[in-house]
N, C-alpha and C. Protein backbone atom coordinates (compact mmCIF):
# COMPACT_ATOMS: atom_id res chain seq x y z
N MET A 1 72.95 38.78 87.61
CA MET A 1 72.51 40.01 86.62
C MET A 1 71.83 40.71 87.08
N GLY A 2 70.55 40.79 88.02
CA GLY A 2 69.88 41.35 88.66
C GLY A 2 70.49 42.39 89.14
N PHE A 3 71.28 42.71 90.23
CA PHE A 3 71.89 43.39 90.79
C PHE A 3 72.81 44.72 89.60
N ILE A 4 73.27 44.09 88.19
CA ILE A 4 73.92 44.43 87.37
C ILE A 4 72.71 45.65 86.96
N LYS A 5 71.88 45.02 86.61
CA LYS A 5 70.83 45.52 86.11
C LYS A 5 70.29 46.56 86.80
N PHE A 6 70.02 46.35 88.51
CA PHE A 6 70.01 47.60 89.19
C PHE A 6 70.35 48.38 89.27
N VAL A 7 71.86 48.40 89.15
CA VAL A 7 72.83 49.49 89.53
C VAL A 7 72.80 50.55 88.09
N LYS A 8 72.72 50.04 87.02
CA LYS A 8 72.19 50.39 85.70
C LYS A 8 71.29 51.50 85.60
N GLU A 9 70.12 50.41 85.94
CA GLU A 9 68.88 51.40 86.08
C GLU A 9 69.09 52.95 86.78
N GLU A 10 69.57 52.53 88.55
CA GLU A 10 69.87 53.47 88.91
C GLU A 10 70.97 54.79 88.77
N MET A 11 71.89 54.20 88.20
CA MET A 11 73.19 54.91 87.03
C MET A 11 72.32 56.44 86.49
N GLN A 12 71.41 55.38 85.61
CA GLN A 12 70.48 56.42 84.30
C GLN A 12 69.66 57.50 85.35
N ILE A 13 68.71 56.67 86.50
CA ILE A 13 67.74 57.89 86.99
C ILE A 13 68.47 58.78 88.05
N ILE A 14 69.79 58.61 88.58
CA ILE A 14 70.51 59.74 89.11
C ILE A 14 70.97 60.91 88.31
N LYS A 15 71.75 60.17 87.30
CA LYS A 15 72.01 61.21 86.26
C LYS A 15 71.03 61.82 85.61
N GLU A 16 69.98 61.65 85.59
CA GLU A 16 68.28 62.26 84.84
C GLU A 16 68.25 63.23 86.09
N ARG A 17 68.48 62.84 87.21
CA ARG A 17 67.25 63.93 88.04
C ARG A 17 68.72 64.63 89.22
N ASP A 18 69.95 64.46 89.08
CA ASP A 18 70.90 64.81 90.35
C ASP A 18 71.79 65.60 89.46
N PRO A 19 71.94 66.77 89.10
CA PRO A 19 73.21 67.61 88.57
C PRO A 19 74.42 67.41 89.14
N ALA A 20 74.01 66.80 90.04
CA ALA A 20 75.23 67.15 91.06
C ALA A 20 76.64 65.87 90.54
N ILE A 21 75.87 64.79 89.94
CA ILE A 21 76.27 63.44 89.68
C ILE A 21 77.38 63.66 88.90
N LYS A 22 78.46 63.67 89.02
CA LYS A 22 79.81 63.84 87.72
C LYS A 22 80.00 62.32 87.09
N THR A 23 80.29 61.36 88.06
CA THR A 23 81.20 59.88 87.81
C THR A 23 80.00 58.43 87.88
N PRO A 24 79.64 57.93 87.17
CA PRO A 24 78.66 57.01 87.49
C PRO A 24 79.29 55.89 88.82
N MET A 25 80.69 56.18 89.33
CA MET A 25 80.99 55.60 90.67
C MET A 25 80.05 56.09 91.56
N GLU A 26 79.85 57.34 91.83
CA GLU A 26 79.54 58.22 92.41
C GLU A 26 78.01 57.81 93.08
N VAL A 27 77.17 56.62 92.28
CA VAL A 27 75.82 56.64 92.57
C VAL A 27 75.92 55.34 93.53
N PHE A 28 76.87 54.56 93.94
CA PHE A 28 76.91 53.79 95.16
C PHE A 28 77.11 54.65 96.56
N LEU A 29 77.57 56.07 96.60
CA LEU A 29 77.28 56.78 97.67
C LEU A 29 76.26 57.73 97.76
N TYR A 30 75.31 56.98 96.70
CA TYR A 30 73.84 58.13 97.03
C TYR A 30 73.12 57.26 98.12
N PRO A 31 72.45 57.72 99.24
CA PRO A 31 71.55 57.27 100.21
C PRO A 31 70.33 56.24 99.81
N SER A 32 70.10 57.25 98.63
CA SER A 32 68.76 56.44 97.86
C SER A 32 69.23 55.32 96.74
N PHE A 33 70.68 55.54 96.75
CA PHE A 33 70.56 53.86 95.84
C PHE A 33 70.93 52.58 96.92
N LYS A 34 71.59 53.29 98.23
CA LYS A 34 71.23 52.10 99.28
C LYS A 34 70.01 51.81 99.86
N ALA A 35 69.25 52.71 100.28
CA ALA A 35 67.96 52.72 100.43
C ALA A 35 67.09 51.92 99.80
N VAL A 36 67.19 52.33 98.79
CA VAL A 36 65.90 51.31 97.51
C VAL A 36 66.51 49.55 97.20
N LEU A 37 67.94 49.74 97.31
CA LEU A 37 68.48 48.28 97.18
C LEU A 37 67.92 47.60 98.19
N ARG A 38 68.52 48.16 99.89
CA ARG A 38 67.84 47.01 100.78
C ARG A 38 66.88 47.19 100.84
N TYR A 39 65.83 48.14 100.50
CA TYR A 39 64.36 47.87 100.36
C TYR A 39 63.87 46.41 99.96
N ARG A 40 64.03 46.67 98.59
CA ARG A 40 64.14 45.80 97.64
C ARG A 40 64.48 43.72 98.42
N ILE A 41 65.50 43.84 99.13
CA ILE A 41 65.75 42.99 99.71
C ILE A 41 64.86 42.18 100.84
N ALA A 42 65.04 43.42 101.84
CA ALA A 42 63.93 43.51 102.81
C ALA A 42 62.06 42.89 102.40
N HIS A 43 61.86 43.63 101.18
CA HIS A 43 60.82 43.52 100.73
C HIS A 43 60.40 42.36 100.33
N LYS A 44 61.16 41.60 100.10
CA LYS A 44 61.17 39.76 99.46
C LYS A 44 61.26 39.16 100.75
N LEU A 45 61.86 39.43 102.25
CA LEU A 45 61.65 38.74 103.22
C LEU A 45 60.18 39.25 103.53
N TYR A 46 59.81 40.23 103.43
CA TYR A 46 58.54 40.90 103.95
C TYR A 46 57.34 39.60 103.48
N LEU A 47 57.62 39.38 102.28
CA LEU A 47 56.33 38.69 100.95
C LEU A 47 56.89 37.35 101.75
N LYS A 48 57.71 36.96 102.09
CA LYS A 48 58.33 35.13 102.20
C LYS A 48 57.37 35.21 103.70
N LYS A 49 57.10 36.05 104.48
CA LYS A 49 56.49 36.41 105.89
C LYS A 49 57.41 36.40 106.87
N HIS A 50 58.61 36.41 106.22
CA HIS A 50 59.83 36.75 107.41
C HIS A 50 59.88 38.38 108.13
N PHE A 51 58.92 38.54 108.71
CA PHE A 51 58.67 39.50 109.37
C PHE A 51 59.48 40.57 110.27
N PHE A 52 60.12 39.62 111.04
CA PHE A 52 61.13 40.25 112.03
C PHE A 52 62.85 40.55 111.25
N LEU A 53 63.02 39.74 110.27
CA LEU A 53 64.12 39.59 109.77
C LEU A 53 63.57 40.91 108.58
N ALA A 54 62.58 41.03 108.06
CA ALA A 54 62.52 42.12 107.13
C ALA A 54 62.43 43.29 107.98
N ARG A 55 61.77 43.69 109.41
CA ARG A 55 61.93 44.73 109.87
C ARG A 55 63.31 44.93 110.29
N TRP A 56 63.93 44.25 110.77
CA TRP A 56 65.38 44.34 111.37
C TRP A 56 66.92 44.84 110.13
N TYR A 57 66.00 44.01 109.06
CA TYR A 57 66.55 44.88 107.79
C TYR A 57 66.69 46.22 107.51
N SER A 58 65.46 46.57 107.54
CA SER A 58 65.08 47.79 107.45
C SER A 58 65.81 48.69 108.43
N GLN A 59 65.37 48.65 109.66
CA GLN A 59 65.67 49.13 110.47
C GLN A 59 67.22 49.27 110.83
N ARG A 60 68.11 48.83 110.16
CA ARG A 60 69.71 49.07 109.70
C ARG A 60 69.99 49.98 108.55
N THR A 61 68.67 49.94 107.87
CA THR A 61 68.80 50.67 106.62
C THR A 61 68.67 51.97 107.04
N VAL A 62 67.69 52.22 108.14
CA VAL A 62 67.34 53.41 108.22
C VAL A 62 68.46 54.21 109.00
N ARG A 63 69.52 53.16 109.83
CA ARG A 63 70.35 53.83 110.79
C ARG A 63 71.54 54.63 109.93
N LYS A 64 71.77 53.86 108.11
CA LYS A 64 73.07 54.21 107.19
C LYS A 64 72.54 55.13 106.70
N THR A 65 71.26 55.21 106.35
CA THR A 65 70.75 56.53 105.27
C THR A 65 69.76 57.29 105.73
N GLY A 66 69.36 57.54 106.79
CA GLY A 66 68.40 58.04 107.18
C GLY A 66 66.74 58.00 106.87
N ILE A 67 66.87 57.12 105.74
CA ILE A 67 65.77 56.79 104.86
C ILE A 67 64.82 55.63 105.64
N GLU A 68 63.28 55.68 105.99
CA GLU A 68 62.75 54.74 106.56
C GLU A 68 61.65 54.08 105.36
N ILE A 69 62.26 53.23 104.94
CA ILE A 69 60.99 52.58 103.90
C ILE A 69 60.47 50.68 104.56
N HIS A 70 59.06 51.12 105.21
CA HIS A 70 58.67 50.13 105.66
C HIS A 70 58.56 48.99 104.49
N PRO A 71 59.58 47.68 104.84
CA PRO A 71 59.59 46.36 103.95
C PRO A 71 57.71 46.06 103.62
N GLY A 72 56.97 46.38 104.21
CA GLY A 72 55.51 46.19 103.06
C GLY A 72 55.06 47.11 102.32
N ALA A 73 55.80 48.52 102.30
CA ALA A 73 55.79 49.05 101.09
C ALA A 73 55.67 48.12 99.84
N THR A 74 55.04 49.05 98.86
CA THR A 74 54.89 48.41 97.17
C THR A 74 55.47 49.73 96.38
N ILE A 75 56.45 49.60 96.16
CA ILE A 75 56.99 50.57 94.92
C ILE A 75 57.74 50.08 93.62
N GLY A 76 57.22 50.75 92.55
CA GLY A 76 57.76 50.66 91.50
C GLY A 76 58.95 50.71 91.17
N LYS A 77 59.06 50.82 89.80
CA LYS A 77 60.38 51.45 89.30
C LYS A 77 60.80 52.38 89.04
N GLY A 78 61.88 52.93 89.44
CA GLY A 78 62.81 54.47 89.01
C GLY A 78 62.24 55.35 90.21
N LEU A 79 62.43 54.66 91.52
CA LEU A 79 62.00 55.62 92.59
C LEU A 79 63.34 56.61 92.77
N PHE A 80 63.39 57.16 93.07
CA PHE A 80 64.59 58.50 93.09
C PHE A 80 64.36 59.21 94.79
N ILE A 81 65.18 59.51 95.60
CA ILE A 81 64.91 59.84 96.84
C ILE A 81 66.30 60.81 97.11
N ASP A 82 65.85 62.41 96.79
CA ASP A 82 67.16 62.89 96.86
C ASP A 82 67.33 63.49 97.77
N HIS A 83 68.74 63.53 98.31
CA HIS A 83 69.34 63.51 99.70
C HIS A 83 68.92 62.46 100.83
N GLY A 84 67.63 62.60 100.91
CA GLY A 84 66.64 61.38 101.46
C GLY A 84 66.90 61.76 102.95
N ASN A 85 67.27 62.37 103.63
CA ASN A 85 67.24 62.13 105.38
C ASN A 85 65.77 62.90 105.60
N GLY A 86 65.03 62.30 106.52
CA GLY A 86 63.85 61.67 107.14
C GLY A 86 62.65 62.25 106.28
N VAL A 87 62.96 60.85 105.26
CA VAL A 87 61.97 60.33 104.22
C VAL A 87 61.54 59.09 105.36
N ILE A 88 60.28 59.10 104.90
CA ILE A 88 59.72 57.91 105.63
C ILE A 88 58.00 57.91 104.60
N ILE A 89 58.35 56.18 104.53
CA ILE A 89 57.49 55.58 103.66
C ILE A 89 56.63 54.18 104.38
N GLY A 90 55.11 54.70 104.55
CA GLY A 90 54.49 53.64 105.52
C GLY A 90 53.96 52.06 104.85
N GLU A 91 53.85 51.31 105.88
CA GLU A 91 53.49 49.77 105.27
C GLU A 91 52.70 49.44 104.15
N THR A 92 51.46 50.52 104.02
CA THR A 92 50.58 50.01 102.83
C THR A 92 50.68 50.95 102.02
N ALA A 93 51.60 51.77 101.97
CA ALA A 93 52.14 53.22 100.84
C ALA A 93 52.48 52.24 99.25
N ILE A 94 51.81 52.37 98.30
CA ILE A 94 51.93 52.32 96.91
C ILE A 94 52.41 53.25 96.08
N VAL A 95 53.37 52.87 95.70
CA VAL A 95 54.45 54.28 94.91
C VAL A 95 54.54 53.60 93.70
N GLY A 96 54.42 54.59 92.58
CA GLY A 96 54.25 54.14 91.30
C GLY A 96 55.68 54.06 90.56
N ASP A 97 55.82 54.18 89.52
CA ASP A 97 56.94 54.66 88.36
C ASP A 97 57.47 55.97 88.37
N ASN A 98 59.09 55.84 88.35
CA ASN A 98 59.61 57.37 88.11
C ASN A 98 58.98 58.68 88.96
N VAL A 99 58.86 58.21 90.66
CA VAL A 99 58.82 58.97 91.27
C VAL A 99 60.08 59.36 91.99
N THR A 100 59.90 60.81 92.39
CA THR A 100 61.08 61.49 93.02
C THR A 100 60.56 61.74 94.11
N LEU A 101 61.48 61.61 95.37
CA LEU A 101 60.76 62.10 96.61
C LEU A 101 62.10 63.38 97.42
N TYR A 102 61.75 64.08 97.94
CA TYR A 102 62.87 64.74 98.09
C TYR A 102 62.87 64.95 99.95
N GLN A 103 64.07 65.39 100.42
CA GLN A 103 64.26 64.90 101.93
C GLN A 103 63.10 65.40 103.15
N GLY A 104 62.96 64.95 103.89
CA GLY A 104 61.43 65.08 104.77
C GLY A 104 60.08 64.61 104.46
N VAL A 105 60.31 63.82 103.09
CA VAL A 105 59.19 63.54 102.75
C VAL A 105 58.44 62.15 104.07
N THR A 106 57.30 62.50 104.24
CA THR A 106 56.06 61.91 104.73
C THR A 106 55.36 60.82 103.73
N LEU A 107 54.99 59.97 103.87
CA LEU A 107 54.38 59.10 103.23
C LEU A 107 53.52 58.44 104.29
N GLY A 108 52.96 59.30 105.34
CA GLY A 108 52.59 58.33 106.17
C GLY A 108 50.54 58.03 106.51
N GLY A 109 50.07 57.68 107.80
CA GLY A 109 49.15 57.57 108.24
C GLY A 109 48.44 58.54 108.88
N THR A 110 47.18 58.67 108.97
CA THR A 110 46.77 59.65 110.14
C THR A 110 46.28 59.35 111.44
N GLY A 111 46.94 57.98 111.44
CA GLY A 111 46.37 57.14 112.95
C GLY A 111 45.16 56.57 113.36
N LYS A 112 44.25 56.88 112.24
CA LYS A 112 42.44 56.31 112.84
C LYS A 112 42.37 55.74 111.76
N GLU A 113 42.99 55.09 111.27
CA GLU A 113 42.91 54.25 109.78
C GLU A 113 43.53 53.08 109.90
N THR A 114 42.57 51.50 109.61
CA THR A 114 43.27 50.30 109.70
C THR A 114 42.94 49.61 107.85
N GLY A 115 43.98 48.85 107.57
CA GLY A 115 43.92 48.47 106.19
C GLY A 115 44.95 49.17 105.65
N LYS A 116 44.52 49.49 104.70
CA LYS A 116 45.26 50.60 103.72
C LYS A 116 45.05 52.00 104.52
N ARG A 117 46.20 52.34 104.97
CA ARG A 117 46.60 53.43 105.92
C ARG A 117 47.17 54.80 105.15
N HIS A 118 47.89 54.09 104.30
CA HIS A 118 49.19 55.05 103.57
C HIS A 118 48.75 55.24 101.94
N PRO A 119 49.28 56.53 101.81
CA PRO A 119 48.83 57.26 100.46
C PRO A 119 49.50 56.28 99.28
N THR A 120 48.41 56.52 98.48
CA THR A 120 49.30 55.50 96.69
C THR A 120 49.45 56.68 96.16
N ILE A 121 50.97 56.80 95.65
CA ILE A 121 51.52 57.77 94.66
C ILE A 121 51.77 57.41 93.58
N GLY A 122 51.04 58.03 92.23
CA GLY A 122 51.10 57.51 90.83
C GLY A 122 52.50 57.87 90.15
N ASP A 123 52.31 57.16 88.98
CA ASP A 123 53.35 57.25 88.02
C ASP A 123 54.07 58.73 87.78
N ASN A 124 55.23 58.79 87.83
CA ASN A 124 55.59 60.41 87.49
C ASN A 124 55.20 61.20 88.58
N CYS A 125 55.60 61.33 89.51
CA CYS A 125 55.20 62.14 90.56
C CYS A 125 56.19 62.99 91.04
N MET A 126 56.14 63.90 91.64
CA MET A 126 57.48 64.74 92.29
C MET A 126 57.17 65.28 93.30
N ILE A 127 57.38 64.55 94.88
CA ILE A 127 57.22 65.48 95.79
C ILE A 127 58.39 66.13 96.45
N SER A 128 58.03 67.64 97.03
CA SER A 128 58.94 67.66 97.18
C SER A 128 59.34 68.28 98.78
N ALA A 129 60.47 69.15 99.46
CA ALA A 129 61.17 68.64 100.61
C ALA A 129 60.10 69.07 101.85
N GLY A 130 59.69 68.64 102.33
CA GLY A 130 59.18 68.41 103.52
C GLY A 130 57.71 67.89 103.95
N ALA A 131 57.27 68.13 102.29
CA ALA A 131 55.92 67.27 102.22
C ALA A 131 55.37 65.90 103.02
N LYS A 132 54.30 66.24 103.18
CA LYS A 132 53.71 65.43 104.20
C LYS A 132 52.32 65.24 103.48
N ILE A 133 52.40 63.46 103.27
CA ILE A 133 51.05 62.89 102.78
C ILE A 133 50.28 62.11 103.45
N LEU A 134 49.36 62.42 104.18
CA LEU A 134 48.82 61.63 105.10
C LEU A 134 47.44 61.10 104.92
N GLY A 135 47.45 59.67 104.65
CA GLY A 135 45.98 59.08 104.68
C GLY A 135 46.31 58.18 103.27
N SER A 136 45.02 57.47 103.36
CA SER A 136 44.62 56.28 102.39
C SER A 136 43.91 56.70 101.14
N PHE A 137 44.66 58.08 100.22
CA PHE A 137 43.91 58.23 99.38
C PHE A 137 45.05 58.55 98.20
N THR A 138 44.93 58.40 97.17
CA THR A 138 45.66 58.43 96.01
C THR A 138 45.89 59.79 95.41
N VAL A 139 47.35 59.52 94.84
CA VAL A 139 48.15 61.31 94.23
C VAL A 139 47.98 60.90 93.14
N GLY A 140 47.11 61.52 91.82
CA GLY A 140 47.44 61.07 90.22
C GLY A 140 48.59 60.66 90.01
N GLU A 141 49.07 60.47 88.68
CA GLU A 141 49.92 60.54 88.05
C GLU A 141 50.25 61.80 87.27
N ASN A 142 51.35 62.21 87.13
CA ASN A 142 51.95 63.45 86.75
C ASN A 142 51.75 64.53 87.74
N SER A 143 51.88 64.38 88.73
CA SER A 143 51.40 65.75 89.67
C SER A 143 52.48 65.71 90.68
N LYS A 144 52.51 67.51 90.76
CA LYS A 144 53.89 67.67 91.55
C LYS A 144 53.10 68.22 93.09
N ILE A 145 53.89 67.79 94.11
CA ILE A 145 53.35 68.64 95.40
C ILE A 145 54.58 69.11 95.88
N GLY A 146 54.54 70.85 96.40
CA GLY A 146 55.41 71.77 96.58
C GLY A 146 55.37 71.31 98.32
N ALA A 147 56.84 72.25 98.14
CA ALA A 147 57.74 72.11 99.01
C ALA A 147 56.72 72.48 100.75
N GLY A 148 57.00 71.73 101.78
CA GLY A 148 55.77 72.08 102.93
C GLY A 148 54.60 71.45 103.17
N SER A 149 54.24 71.02 101.62
CA SER A 149 52.81 71.06 101.37
C SER A 149 52.33 69.74 102.88
N VAL A 150 51.41 69.73 103.23
CA VAL A 150 50.44 68.60 104.22
C VAL A 150 48.80 68.22 103.40
N VAL A 151 49.15 67.47 102.41
CA VAL A 151 48.28 66.93 101.80
C VAL A 151 47.30 65.69 102.37
N LEU A 152 45.62 65.99 102.44
CA LEU A 152 45.19 65.28 103.32
C LEU A 152 44.27 64.71 102.44
N SER A 153 44.40 64.77 101.26
CA SER A 153 42.99 64.13 100.58
C SER A 153 43.47 64.02 98.87
N GLU A 154 42.46 63.48 98.27
CA GLU A 154 42.82 62.71 96.93
C GLU A 154 43.58 63.84 96.14
N VAL A 155 44.35 63.58 95.03
CA VAL A 155 45.07 64.76 94.32
C VAL A 155 45.03 63.70 92.61
N PRO A 156 43.90 64.84 91.59
CA PRO A 156 43.85 64.65 90.75
C PRO A 156 44.92 64.34 89.58
N PRO A 157 45.14 63.80 88.36
CA PRO A 157 46.26 63.67 88.06
C PRO A 157 46.60 65.17 87.39
N ASN A 158 48.01 64.75 87.03
CA ASN A 158 48.64 66.33 86.39
C ASN A 158 48.12 67.41 87.42
N SER A 159 48.52 67.44 88.70
CA SER A 159 47.90 68.63 89.30
C SER A 159 48.97 69.17 90.26
N THR A 160 48.98 70.12 90.43
CA THR A 160 50.19 70.89 91.14
C THR A 160 49.38 71.31 92.54
N VAL A 161 49.99 70.87 93.67
CA VAL A 161 49.61 71.28 95.27
C VAL A 161 50.55 71.67 95.78
N VAL A 162 49.52 72.98 96.65
CA VAL A 162 50.61 73.76 97.80
C VAL A 162 49.95 74.12 98.75
N GLY A 163 50.66 74.31 99.82
CA GLY A 163 49.49 74.58 100.89
C GLY A 163 49.86 73.72 102.56
N VAL A 164 48.69 74.36 103.46
CA VAL A 164 48.78 73.66 104.60
C VAL A 164 47.50 74.28 104.80
N PRO A 165 46.21 73.44 104.96
CA PRO A 165 46.20 72.11 104.32
C PRO A 165 46.47 72.31 102.86
N GLY A 166 47.19 71.07 101.94
CA GLY A 166 47.93 71.16 100.41
C GLY A 166 46.29 71.66 99.38
N ARG A 167 46.30 72.12 98.46
CA ARG A 167 45.26 72.46 97.75
C ARG A 167 45.89 72.42 96.20
N VAL A 168 44.83 71.91 95.37
CA VAL A 168 45.37 72.22 93.78
C VAL A 168 45.33 73.46 93.45
N VAL A 169 46.21 73.84 92.38
CA VAL A 169 46.19 75.23 92.60
C VAL A 169 46.57 75.02 90.99
N LYS A 170 46.89 74.21 90.64
CA LYS A 170 47.09 74.21 88.40
C LYS A 170 47.00 72.37 88.45
N ARG A 171 45.72 72.10 86.86
CA ARG A 171 45.32 70.91 86.80
C ARG A 171 45.89 70.65 85.05
N ASP A 172 45.86 69.68 84.80
CA ASP A 172 46.79 69.17 83.31
C ASP A 172 47.69 70.06 82.92
N ASN A 173 48.57 70.13 83.78
CA ASN A 173 49.77 70.32 83.31
C ASN A 173 50.44 69.33 82.67
N VAL A 174 51.07 70.19 81.16
CA VAL A 174 51.38 69.08 79.81
C VAL A 174 53.17 68.36 80.26
N LYS A 175 53.35 69.52 81.64
CA LYS A 175 55.23 68.84 81.71
C LYS A 175 55.16 67.60 82.83
N VAL A 176 56.07 66.89 82.64
CA VAL A 176 55.70 65.63 83.29
C VAL A 176 56.88 65.99 84.30
N PRO A 177 56.78 65.63 86.00
CA PRO A 177 57.69 66.07 86.86
C PRO A 177 58.72 65.44 87.01
N ARG A 178 58.70 64.15 86.18
CA ARG A 178 59.88 63.27 86.09
C ARG A 178 61.37 64.50 85.21
N GLU A 179 60.72 64.60 84.19
CA GLU A 179 61.64 66.00 83.70
C GLU A 179 61.60 67.17 84.06
N ASP A 180 60.71 67.41 84.76
CA ASP A 180 60.47 69.23 85.60
C ASP A 180 60.60 69.09 87.03
N MET A 181 62.12 69.00 87.29
CA MET A 181 62.39 69.13 88.54
C MET A 181 62.39 70.33 89.59
N ASP A 182 61.71 71.51 88.87
CA ASP A 182 61.43 72.75 89.77
C ASP A 182 60.80 72.27 90.65
N GLN A 183 61.30 72.82 91.63
CA GLN A 183 60.67 73.03 93.05
C GLN A 183 59.88 74.03 93.72
N VAL A 184 60.73 75.00 92.97
CA VAL A 184 60.42 76.32 93.18
C VAL A 184 59.33 77.86 92.63
N HIS A 185 59.32 77.20 91.55
CA HIS A 185 58.36 78.09 90.44
C HIS A 185 56.84 77.54 90.67
N LEU A 186 55.99 77.56 91.90
CA LEU A 186 54.92 77.02 91.78
C LEU A 186 53.99 77.88 91.97
N PRO A 187 52.69 77.68 91.63
CA PRO A 187 51.67 78.73 92.28
C PRO A 187 51.70 78.96 93.57
N ASP A 188 51.38 80.40 94.04
CA ASP A 188 51.51 80.76 95.60
C ASP A 188 49.86 81.36 95.64
N PRO A 189 49.01 80.47 96.07
CA PRO A 189 47.43 80.38 96.26
C PRO A 189 47.25 81.70 97.41
N VAL A 190 48.36 81.84 98.50
CA VAL A 190 48.16 82.81 99.21
C VAL A 190 48.28 84.31 99.04
N LEU A 191 49.73 84.29 98.33
CA LEU A 191 49.97 85.64 97.44
C LEU A 191 48.73 85.72 96.41
N ASN A 192 48.51 85.18 96.03
CA ASN A 192 47.76 85.44 94.96
C ASN A 192 45.75 86.17 95.54
N ASP A 193 45.42 85.46 96.53
CA ASP A 193 44.85 85.72 97.54
C ASP A 193 44.87 87.15 98.19
N LEU A 194 46.25 87.17 98.70
CA LEU A 194 46.63 88.89 99.36
C LEU A 194 46.20 89.48 97.78
N SER A 195 46.82 89.42 97.09
CA SER A 195 46.76 90.37 95.72
C SER A 195 45.54 90.58 95.40
N ARG A 196 44.44 89.93 95.50
CA ARG A 196 43.16 89.99 95.26
C ARG A 196 42.75 90.79 96.10
N LEU A 197 42.71 90.61 97.81
CA LEU A 197 42.23 91.04 98.71
C LEU A 197 42.85 92.92 98.64
N GLN A 198 44.01 92.98 98.31
CA GLN A 198 44.69 94.28 97.84
C GLN A 198 43.54 95.18 97.06
N GLU A 199 43.56 94.37 95.64
CA GLU A 199 42.80 95.05 94.69
C GLU A 199 41.65 95.64 95.02
N GLU A 200 40.74 94.61 96.36
CA GLU A 200 39.46 95.09 96.06
C GLU A 200 39.59 96.10 97.43
N ASN A 201 40.52 96.11 97.80
CA ASN A 201 40.39 97.28 99.01
C ASN A 201 40.90 98.60 98.47
N CYS A 202 41.76 98.89 97.35
CA CYS A 202 41.92 100.16 96.74
C CYS A 202 40.88 100.38 95.89
N THR A 203 40.20 99.29 95.20
CA THR A 203 38.38 99.63 94.85
C THR A 203 37.69 100.52 95.84
N LEU A 204 37.88 99.87 96.48
CA LEU A 204 36.83 100.10 97.77
C LEU A 204 37.08 101.39 98.22
N ARG A 205 38.42 101.52 98.23
CA ARG A 205 39.11 103.16 99.14
C ARG A 205 38.89 104.15 97.78
N GLU A 206 38.74 103.76 96.89
CA GLU A 206 38.28 104.65 95.71
C GLU A 206 36.73 104.94 95.41
N GLU A 207 35.90 104.31 95.74
CA GLU A 207 34.36 104.48 95.97
C GLU A 207 34.04 105.05 96.94
N LEU A 208 35.00 104.91 98.04
CA LEU A 208 34.85 105.84 99.28
C LEU A 208 34.84 107.40 99.14
N GLU A 209 36.05 107.49 98.91
CA GLU A 209 36.67 108.78 98.56
C GLU A 209 35.52 109.49 97.27
N ALA A 210 35.07 109.01 96.47
CA ALA A 210 34.12 109.44 95.48
C ALA A 210 32.87 109.65 96.08
N LEU A 211 32.27 108.83 97.02
CA LEU A 211 31.25 108.94 98.16
C LEU A 211 31.17 110.60 98.75
N LYS A 212 32.54 110.38 99.39
CA LYS A 212 32.62 111.70 100.28
C LYS A 212 32.44 112.45 99.28
N LYS A 213 33.24 112.90 98.37
CA LYS A 213 33.00 114.26 98.00
C LYS A 213 31.45 114.58 96.86
N ARG A 214 30.77 113.64 97.30
CA ARG A 214 29.68 113.68 96.37
C ARG A 214 28.89 114.46 97.50
N VAL A 215 29.10 113.55 98.70
CA VAL A 215 28.19 113.88 100.18
C VAL A 215 28.63 115.54 100.13
N GLU A 216 29.46 115.82 99.88
CA GLU A 216 30.28 117.48 100.32
C GLU A 216 29.33 117.96 99.27
N LEU A 217 29.33 117.95 98.13
CA LEU A 217 28.71 118.48 97.18
C LEU A 217 27.47 118.94 97.57
N LEU A 218 26.72 117.77 97.86
CA LEU A 218 25.31 117.73 98.05
C LEU A 218 25.06 118.84 99.59
N SER A 219 26.09 118.76 100.62
CA SER A 219 25.92 119.30 101.67
C SER A 219 26.01 120.93 101.10
N LYS A 220 26.79 121.79 100.15
CA LYS A 220 26.76 122.90 99.98
C LYS A 220 25.47 123.33 99.66
């Protein structure tokens, strides 16, 4: 019964978040389905202190799916990994409910920590392709991490983060990332800064021209 319930939940999750799915049976072809199911088994072995078996089973999953989830990680309900190749979730990572990860995402450590070394991801977060979240801090619930971002510090709830290093460019967004899977239309702080510099440069040039004209008039 537990397996059937899991399959039904995964079908619902994939139908909600991936428009490419056409038939329910396709869920069995998804790397996300295989990786999460096998993680659940490996995690049970890990909790029973069968560490070698848990890692052995986990490593077989990596070879089959391209997704590496350490059996010691703690993962809630409704995790969806879209495509998934190159996704890495570290041993002490904690992932909340209804989280979506895209290909190439890393929930890793910095290499300088002991104990809790990996991030905690709140409920309903979306982490876009290639994003790297490194360290033992929390990404608040309902947050969205832009593609290719490198996040090295705490993220408040309901935030949008982009850039390298990642910085918060939007807060208290009422949309829930589980329902808003848009990875593209995110604020661009670099473009905003460049636009501001361009405006300031134009203003300075206008003021300089005005000063030159005044000097010319005074010199006559």
